[in-house]
Amino acid sequence: MSGNYTKQERTFLKRLGKAIKERRTKKGLSQERLAELTGLHRTYVGSAERGERNISALNTKVLADALDCRASDLFRSAE
């Protein structure tokens, strides 16, 4: 992961990624399909799920919409 993040920040990003992955797999979607639904690249989705990216608020909203939840639900799962 690039950037000078604290351990707490890295942990949050990993938990956020885990929340995205759990919702995606629960819906039976592949990373590729989620990428198609959101207009994001498949490798972006994968790196977000691994907590390697500090994804923007707008991309979090796009992912949440595709996963039929709110961005706040994803953040709540990461806390």
PDB file of N, CA and C in Angstrom:
ATOM      1  N   MET A   1       0.849  -1.164   0.000  1.00  0.00           N
ATOM      2  CA  MET A   1       0.000   0.000   0.000  1.00  0.00           C
ATOM      3  C   MET A   1       0.897   1.229   0.000  1.00  0.00           C
ATOM      4  N   SER A   2       0.643   2.133  -0.898  1.00  0.00           N
ATOM      5  CA  SER A   2       1.424   3.357  -0.933  1.00  0.00           C
ATOM      6  C   SER A   2       0.858   4.353   0.076  1.00  0.00           C
ATOM      7  N   GLY A   3       1.621   5.367   0.355  1.00  0.00           N
ATOM      8  CA  GLY A   3       1.183   6.375   1.313  1.00  0.00           C
ATOM      9  C   GLY A   3       1.751   6.085   2.687  1.00  0.00           C
ATOM     10  N   ASN A   4       1.803   7.107   3.467  1.00  0.00           N
ATOM     11  CA  ASN A   4       2.315   6.987   4.830  1.00  0.00           C
ATOM     12  C   ASN A   4       1.155   6.916   5.807  1.00  0.00           C
ATOM     13  N   TYR A   5       0.512   5.769   5.847  1.00  0.00           N
ATOM     14  CA  TYR A   5      -0.644   5.589   6.707  1.00  0.00           C
ATOM     15  C   TYR A   5      -0.220   5.005   8.043  1.00  0.00           C
ATOM     16  N   THR A   6      -0.949   5.374   9.073  1.00  0.00           N
ATOM     17  CA  THR A   6      -0.704   4.788  10.385  1.00  0.00           C
ATOM     18  C   THR A   6      -1.233   3.360  10.394  1.00  0.00           C
ATOM     19  N   LYS A   7      -0.863   2.622  11.398  1.00  0.00           N
ATOM     20  CA  LYS A   7      -1.358   1.253  11.534  1.00  0.00           C
ATOM     21  C   LYS A   7      -2.884   1.253  11.630  1.00  0.00           C
ATOM     22  N   GLN A   8      -3.428   2.214  12.359  1.00  0.00           N
ATOM     23  CA  GLN A   8      -4.884   2.310  12.511  1.00  0.00           C
ATOM     24  C   GLN A   8      -5.555   2.606  11.170  1.00  0.00           C
ATOM     25  N   GLU A   9      -4.957   3.469  10.377  1.00  0.00           N
ATOM     26  CA  GLU A   9      -5.516   3.787   9.063  1.00  0.00           C
ATOM     27  C   GLU A   9      -5.441   2.581   8.133  1.00  0.00           C
ATOM     28  N   ARG A  10      -4.327   1.864   8.155  1.00  0.00           N
ATOM     29  CA  ARG A  10      -4.202   0.656   7.323  1.00  0.00           C
ATOM     30  C   ARG A  10      -5.232  -0.390   7.732  1.00  0.00           C
ATOM     31  N   THR A  11      -5.442  -0.515   9.035  1.00  0.00           N
ATOM     32  CA  THR A  11      -6.441  -1.463   9.529  1.00  0.00           C
ATOM     33  C   THR A  11      -7.831  -1.086   9.045  1.00  0.00           C
ATOM     34  N   PHE A  12      -8.148   0.210   9.089  1.00  0.00           N
ATOM     35  CA  PHE A  12      -9.456   0.663   8.607  1.00  0.00           C
ATOM     36  C   PHE A  12      -9.631   0.340   7.130  1.00  0.00           C
ATOM     37  N   LEU A  13      -8.605   0.617   6.308  1.00  0.00           N
ATOM     38  CA  LEU A  13      -8.711   0.342   4.871  1.00  0.00           C
ATOM     39  C   LEU A  13      -8.906  -1.149   4.613  1.00  0.00           C
ATOM     40  N   LYS A  14      -8.227  -1.985   5.377  1.00  0.00           N
ATOM     41  CA  LYS A  14      -8.400  -3.435   5.215  1.00  0.00           C
ATOM     42  C   LYS A  14      -9.804  -3.865   5.609  1.00  0.00           C
ATOM     43  N   ARG A  15     -10.326  -3.286   6.670  1.00  0.00           N
ATOM     44  CA  ARG A  15     -11.695  -3.628   7.091  1.00  0.00           C
ATOM     45  C   ARG A  15     -12.722  -3.140   6.085  1.00  0.00           C
ATOM     46  N   LEU A  16     -12.488  -1.968   5.520  1.00  0.00           N
ATOM     47  CA  LEU A  16     -13.393  -1.458   4.483  1.00  0.00           C
ATOM     48  C   LEU A  16     -13.367  -2.388   3.275  1.00  0.00           C
ATOM     49  N   GLY A  17     -12.186  -2.802   2.880  1.00  0.00           N
ATOM     50  CA  GLY A  17     -12.063  -3.742   1.765  1.00  0.00           C
ATOM     51  C   GLY A  17     -12.761  -5.062   2.044  1.00  0.00           C
ATOM     52  N   LYS A  18     -12.621  -5.525   3.265  1.00  0.00           N
ATOM     53  CA  LYS A  18     -13.279  -6.777   3.659  1.00  0.00           C
ATOM     54  C   LYS A  18     -14.798  -6.633   3.583  1.00  0.00           C
ATOM     55  N   ALA A  19     -15.305  -5.476   3.998  1.00  0.00           N
ATOM     56  CA  ALA A  19     -16.752  -5.233   3.939  1.00  0.00           C
ATOM     57  C   ALA A  19     -17.242  -5.248   2.497  1.00  0.00           C
ATOM     58  N   ILE A  20     -16.472  -4.646   1.607  1.00  0.00           N
ATOM     59  CA  ILE A  20     -16.836  -4.644   0.184  1.00  0.00           C
ATOM     60  C   ILE A  20     -16.834  -6.065  -0.357  1.00  0.00           C
ATOM     61  N   LYS A  21     -15.774  -6.811  -0.055  1.00  0.00           N
ATOM     62  CA  LYS A  21     -15.669  -8.186  -0.550  1.00  0.00           C
ATOM     63  C   LYS A  21     -16.801  -9.060  -0.010  1.00  0.00           C
ATOM     64  N   GLU A  22     -17.109  -8.926   1.258  1.00  0.00           N
ATOM     65  CA  GLU A  22     -18.179  -9.738   1.847  1.00  0.00           C
ATOM     66  C   GLU A  22     -19.522  -9.447   1.179  1.00  0.00           C
ATOM     67  N   ARG A  23     -19.808  -8.186   0.938  1.00  0.00           N
ATOM     68  CA  ARG A  23     -21.069  -7.836   0.259  1.00  0.00           C
ATOM     69  C   ARG A  23     -21.075  -8.355  -1.175  1.00  0.00           C
ATOM     70  N   ARG A  24     -19.929  -8.246  -1.850  1.00  0.00           N
ATOM     71  CA  ARG A  24     -19.833  -8.712  -3.237  1.00  0.00           C
ATOM     72  C   ARG A  24     -20.067 -10.218  -3.323  1.00  0.00           C
ATOM     73  N   THR A  25     -19.392 -10.972  -2.471  1.00  0.00           N
ATOM     74  CA  THR A  25     -19.540 -12.430  -2.530  1.00  0.00           C
ATOM     75  C   THR A  25     -20.941 -12.864  -2.097  1.00  0.00           C
ATOM     76  N   LYS A  26     -21.524 -12.146  -1.151  1.00  0.00           N
ATOM     77  CA  LYS A  26     -22.896 -12.455  -0.724  1.00  0.00           C
ATOM     78  C   LYS A  26     -23.877 -12.288  -1.882  1.00  0.00           C
ATOM     79  N   LYS A  27     -23.614 -11.321  -2.753  1.00  0.00           N
ATOM     80  CA  LYS A  27     -24.462 -11.100  -3.927  1.00  0.00           C
ATOM     81  C   LYS A  27     -24.103 -12.031  -5.081  1.00  0.00           C
ATOM     82  N   GLY A  28     -23.051 -12.837  -4.921  1.00  0.00           N
ATOM     83  CA  GLY A  28     -22.653 -13.763  -5.966  1.00  0.00           C
ATOM     84  C   GLY A  28     -21.963 -13.091  -7.145  1.00  0.00           C
ATOM     85  N   LEU A  29     -21.326 -11.959  -6.890  1.00  0.00           N
ATOM     86  CA  LEU A  29     -20.653 -11.222  -7.960  1.00  0.00           C
ATOM     87  C   LEU A  29     -19.150 -11.505  -7.957  1.00  0.00           C
ATOM     88  N   SER A  30     -18.585 -11.594  -9.126  1.00  0.00           N
ATOM     89  CA  SER A  30     -17.130 -11.658  -9.247  1.00  0.00           C
ATOM     90  C   SER A  30     -16.589 -10.237  -9.184  1.00  0.00           C
ATOM     91  N   GLN A  31     -15.294 -10.103  -8.966  1.00  0.00           N
ATOM     92  CA  GLN A  31     -14.674  -8.777  -9.013  1.00  0.00           C
ATOM     93  C   GLN A  31     -14.880  -8.160 -10.394  1.00  0.00           C
ATOM     94  N   GLU A  32     -14.758  -8.984 -11.405  1.00  0.00           N
ATOM     95  CA  GLU A  32     -14.929  -8.489 -12.772  1.00  0.00           C
ATOM     96  C   GLU A  32     -16.342  -7.947 -12.993  1.00  0.00           C
ATOM     97  N   ARG A  33     -17.344  -8.660 -12.508  1.00  0.00           N
ATOM     98  CA  ARG A  33     -18.730  -8.206 -12.681  1.00  0.00           C
ATOM     99  C   ARG A  33     -18.987  -6.922 -11.889  1.00  0.00           C
ATOM    100  N   LEU A  34     -18.462  -6.850 -10.663  1.00  0.00           N
ATOM    101  CA  LEU A  34     -18.620  -5.633  -9.876  1.00  0.00           C
ATOM    102  C   LEU A  34     -17.950  -4.458 -10.586  1.00  0.00           C
ATOM    103  N   ALA A  35     -16.804  -4.715 -11.170  1.00  0.00           N
ATOM    104  CA  ALA A  35     -16.110  -3.668 -11.926  1.00  0.00           C
ATOM    105  C   ALA A  35     -16.971  -3.194 -13.101  1.00  0.00           C
ATOM    106  N   GLU A  36     -17.576  -4.130 -13.801  1.00  0.00           N
ATOM    107  CA  GLU A  36     -18.448  -3.762 -14.927  1.00  0.00           C
ATOM    108  C   GLU A  36     -19.628  -2.916 -14.460  1.00  0.00           C
ATOM    109  N   LEU A  37     -20.226  -3.293 -13.344  1.00  0.00           N
ATOM    110  CA  LEU A  37     -21.383  -2.570 -12.820  1.00  0.00           C
ATOM    111  C   LEU A  37     -21.037  -1.152 -12.373  1.00  0.00           C
ATOM    112  N   THR A  38     -19.807  -0.972 -11.932  1.00  0.00           N
ATOM    113  CA  THR A  38     -19.403   0.317 -11.373  1.00  0.00           C
ATOM    114  C   THR A  38     -18.627   1.194 -12.345  1.00  0.00           C
ATOM    115  N   GLY A  39     -18.103   0.604 -13.396  1.00  0.00           N
ATOM    116  CA  GLY A  39     -17.250   1.367 -14.306  1.00  0.00           C
ATOM    117  C   GLY A  39     -15.827   1.504 -13.799  1.00  0.00           C
ATOM    118  N   LEU A  40     -15.514   0.786 -12.731  1.00  0.00           N
ATOM    119  CA  LEU A  40     -14.157   0.778 -12.188  1.00  0.00           C
ATOM    120  C   LEU A  40     -13.389  -0.387 -12.804  1.00  0.00           C
ATOM    121  N   HIS A  41     -12.079  -0.318 -12.791  1.00  0.00           N
ATOM    122  CA  HIS A  41     -11.268  -1.399 -13.331  1.00  0.00           C
ATOM    123  C   HIS A  41     -11.239  -2.557 -12.345  1.00  0.00           C
ATOM    124  N   ARG A  42     -11.180  -3.770 -12.865  1.00  0.00           N
ATOM    125  CA  ARG A  42     -11.166  -4.966 -12.021  1.00  0.00           C
ATOM    126  C   ARG A  42     -10.001  -4.949 -11.034  1.00  0.00           C
ATOM    127  N   THR A  43      -8.842  -4.486 -11.466  1.00  0.00           N
ATOM    128  CA  THR A  43      -7.696  -4.461 -10.556  1.00  0.00           C
ATOM    129  C   THR A  43      -7.891  -3.417  -9.453  1.00  0.00           C
ATOM    130  N   TYR A  44      -8.638  -2.356  -9.759  1.00  0.00           N
ATOM    131  CA  TYR A  44      -8.959  -1.354  -8.740  1.00  0.00           C
ATOM    132  C   TYR A  44      -9.847  -1.984  -7.670  1.00  0.00           C
ATOM    133  N   VAL A  45     -10.871  -2.717  -8.105  1.00  0.00           N
ATOM    134  CA  VAL A  45     -11.773  -3.381  -7.163  1.00  0.00           C
ATOM    135  C   VAL A  45     -10.982  -4.348  -6.289  1.00  0.00           C
ATOM    136  N   GLY A  46     -10.111  -5.124  -6.893  1.00  0.00           N
ATOM    137  CA  GLY A  46      -9.314  -6.088  -6.135  1.00  0.00           C
ATOM    138  C   GLY A  46      -8.414  -5.418  -5.111  1.00  0.00           C
ATOM    139  N   SER A  47      -7.758  -4.353  -5.517  1.00  0.00           N
ATOM    140  CA  SER A  47      -6.853  -3.675  -4.582  1.00  0.00           C
ATOM    141  C   SER A  47      -7.640  -2.959  -3.479  1.00  0.00           C
ATOM    142  N   ALA A  48      -8.836  -2.491  -3.793  1.00  0.00           N
ATOM    143  CA  ALA A  48      -9.691  -1.892  -2.763  1.00  0.00           C
ATOM    144  C   ALA A  48     -10.116  -2.957  -1.752  1.00  0.00           C
ATOM    145  N   GLU A  49     -10.470  -4.136  -2.241  1.00  0.00           N
ATOM    146  CA  GLU A  49     -10.884  -5.222  -1.351  1.00  0.00           C
ATOM    147  C   GLU A  49      -9.736  -5.695  -0.459  1.00  0.00           C
ATOM    148  N   ARG A  50      -8.527  -5.587  -0.938  1.00  0.00           N
ATOM    149  CA  ARG A  50      -7.363  -5.985  -0.130  1.00  0.00           C
ATOM    150  C   ARG A  50      -6.915  -4.862   0.806  1.00  0.00           C
ATOM    151  N   GLY A  51      -7.560  -3.718   0.744  1.00  0.00           N
ATOM    152  CA  GLY A  51      -7.200  -2.600   1.598  1.00  0.00           C
ATOM    153  C   GLY A  51      -5.944  -1.895   1.151  1.00  0.00           C
ATOM    154  N   GLU A  52      -5.611  -2.035  -0.107  1.00  0.00           N
ATOM    155  CA  GLU A  52      -4.401  -1.425  -0.646  1.00  0.00           C
ATOM    156  C   GLU A  52      -4.639  -0.016  -1.169  1.00  0.00           C
ATOM    157  N   ARG A  53      -5.902   0.401  -1.210  1.00  0.00           N
ATOM    158  CA  ARG A  53      -6.244   1.721  -1.743  1.00  0.00           C
ATOM    159  C   ARG A  53      -7.053   2.506  -0.728  1.00  0.00           C
ATOM    160  N   ASN A  54      -6.785   3.782  -0.691  1.00  0.00           N
ATOM    161  CA  ASN A  54      -7.616   4.711   0.063  1.00  0.00           C
ATOM    162  C   ASN A  54      -8.631   5.237  -0.947  1.00  0.00           C
ATOM    163  N   ILE A  55      -9.730   4.508  -1.096  1.00  0.00           N
ATOM    164  CA  ILE A  55     -10.677   4.818  -2.157  1.00  0.00           C
ATOM    165  C   ILE A  55     -11.458   6.096  -1.832  1.00  0.00           C
ATOM    166  N   SER A  56     -11.799   6.830  -2.866  1.00  0.00           N
ATOM    167  CA  SER A  56     -12.495   8.100  -2.693  1.00  0.00           C
ATOM    168  C   SER A  56     -13.925   7.880  -2.211  1.00  0.00           C
ATOM    169  N   ALA A  57     -14.487   8.944  -1.688  1.00  0.00           N
ATOM    170  CA  ALA A  57     -15.880   8.902  -1.242  1.00  0.00           C
ATOM    171  C   ALA A  57     -16.804   8.569  -2.405  1.00  0.00           C
ATOM    172  N   LEU A  58     -16.528   9.133  -3.571  1.00  0.00           N
ATOM    173  CA  LEU A  58     -17.383   8.872  -4.734  1.00  0.00           C
ATOM    174  C   LEU A  58     -17.291   7.421  -5.192  1.00  0.00           C
ATOM    175  N   ASN A  59     -16.091   6.854  -5.190  1.00  0.00           N
ATOM    176  CA  ASN A  59     -15.964   5.448  -5.574  1.00  0.00           C
ATOM    177  C   ASN A  59     -16.598   4.540  -4.527  1.00  0.00           C
ATOM    178  N   THR A  60     -16.535   4.921  -3.262  1.00  0.00           N
ATOM    179  CA  THR A  60     -17.212   4.152  -2.222  1.00  0.00           C
ATOM    180  C   THR A  60     -18.715   4.160  -2.475  1.00  0.00           C
ATOM    181  N   LYS A  61     -19.250   5.317  -2.856  1.00  0.00           N
ATOM    182  CA  LYS A  61     -20.685   5.435  -3.164  1.00  0.00           C
ATOM    183  C   LYS A  61     -21.062   4.582  -4.371  1.00  0.00           C
ATOM    184  N   VAL A  62     -20.235   4.604  -5.407  1.00  0.00           N
ATOM    185  CA  VAL A  62     -20.491   3.801  -6.613  1.00  0.00           C
ATOM    186  C   VAL A  62     -20.497   2.313  -6.262  1.00  0.00           C
ATOM    187  N   LEU A  63     -19.530   1.886  -5.471  1.00  0.00           N
ATOM    188  CA  LEU A  63     -19.467   0.478  -5.056  1.00  0.00           C
ATOM    189  C   LEU A  63     -20.681   0.123  -4.201  1.00  0.00           C
ATOM    190  N   ALA A  64     -21.031   0.977  -3.262  1.00  0.00           N
ATOM    191  CA  ALA A  64     -22.186   0.710  -2.398  1.00  0.00           C
ATOM    192  C   ALA A  64     -23.472   0.593  -3.214  1.00  0.00           C
ATOM    193  N   ASP A  65     -23.649   1.488  -4.169  1.00  0.00           N
ATOM    194  CA  ASP A  65     -24.844   1.416  -5.014  1.00  0.00           C
ATOM    195  C   ASP A  65     -24.919   0.081  -5.747  1.00  0.00           C
ATOM    196  N   ALA A  66     -23.798  -0.372  -6.293  1.00  0.00           N
ATOM    197  CA  ALA A  66     -23.770  -1.648  -7.018  1.00  0.00           C
ATOM    198  C   ALA A  66     -23.999  -2.825  -6.081  1.00  0.00           C
ATOM    199  N   LEU A  67     -23.670  -2.640  -4.804  1.00  0.00           N
ATOM    200  CA  LEU A  67     -23.833  -3.710  -3.818  1.00  0.00           C
ATOM    201  C   LEU A  67     -25.157  -3.596  -3.056  1.00  0.00           C
ATOM    202  N   ASP A  68     -26.022  -2.686  -3.516  1.00  0.00           N
ATOM    203  CA  ASP A  68     -27.344  -2.479  -2.909  1.00  0.00           C
ATOM    204  C   ASP A  68     -27.262  -2.173  -1.424  1.00  0.00           C
ATOM    205  N   CYS A  69     -26.358  -1.263  -1.075  1.00  0.00           N
ATOM    206  CA  CYS A  69     -26.255  -0.801   0.300  1.00  0.00           C
ATOM    207  C   CYS A  69     -25.855   0.664   0.281  1.00  0.00           C
ATOM    208  N   ARG A  70     -25.691   1.231   1.435  1.00  0.00           N
ATOM    209  CA  ARG A  70     -25.242   2.618   1.555  1.00  0.00           C
ATOM    210  C   ARG A  70     -23.739   2.630   1.820  1.00  0.00           C
ATOM    211  N   ALA A  71     -23.101   3.704   1.416  1.00  0.00           N
ATOM    212  CA  ALA A  71     -21.681   3.864   1.725  1.00  0.00           C
ATOM    213  C   ALA A  71     -21.481   3.819   3.239  1.00  0.00           C
ATOM    214  N   SER A  72     -22.419   4.389   3.965  1.00  0.00           N
ATOM    215  CA  SER A  72     -22.307   4.381   5.432  1.00  0.00           C
ATOM    216  C   SER A  72     -22.333   2.958   5.992  1.00  0.00           C
ATOM    217  N   ASP A  73     -23.037   2.048   5.326  1.00  0.00           N
ATOM    218  CA  ASP A  73     -23.045   0.645   5.763  1.00  0.00           C
ATOM    219  C   ASP A  73     -21.648   0.046   5.646  1.00  0.00           C
ATOM    220  N   LEU A  74     -20.969   0.373   4.552  1.00  0.00           N
ATOM    221  CA  LEU A  74     -19.612  -0.136   4.366  1.00  0.00           C
ATOM    222  C   LEU A  74     -18.675   0.443   5.421  1.00  0.00           C
ATOM    223  N   PHE A  75     -18.794   1.751   5.657  1.00  0.00           N
ATOM    224  CA  PHE A  75     -17.953   2.382   6.673  1.00  0.00           C
ATOM    225  C   PHE A  75     -18.248   1.829   8.063  1.00  0.00           C
ATOM    226  N   ARG A  76     -19.510   1.628   8.361  1.00  0.00           N
ATOM    227  CA  ARG A  76     -19.897   1.089   9.658  1.00  0.00           C
ATOM    228  C   ARG A  76     -19.286  -0.302   9.861  1.00  0.00           C
ATOM    229  N   SER A  77     -19.269  -1.102   8.819  1.00  0.00           N
ATOM    230  CA  SER A  77     -18.676  -2.430   8.900  1.00  0.00           C
ATOM    231  C   SER A  77     -17.176  -2.366   9.132  1.00  0.00           C
ATOM    232  N   ALA A  78     -16.567  -1.270   8.676  1.00  0.00           N
ATOM    233  CA  ALA A  78     -15.109  -1.135   8.798  1.00  0.00           C
ATOM    234  C   ALA A  78     -14.671  -0.595  10.153  1.00  0.00           C
ATOM    235  N   GLU A  79     -15.585  -0.028  10.897  1.00  0.00           N
ATOM    236  CA  GLU A  79     -15.214   0.575  12.180  1.00  0.00           C
ATOM    237  C   GLU A  79     -15.039  -0.457  13.261  1.00  0.00           C
TER     238      GLU A  79
END
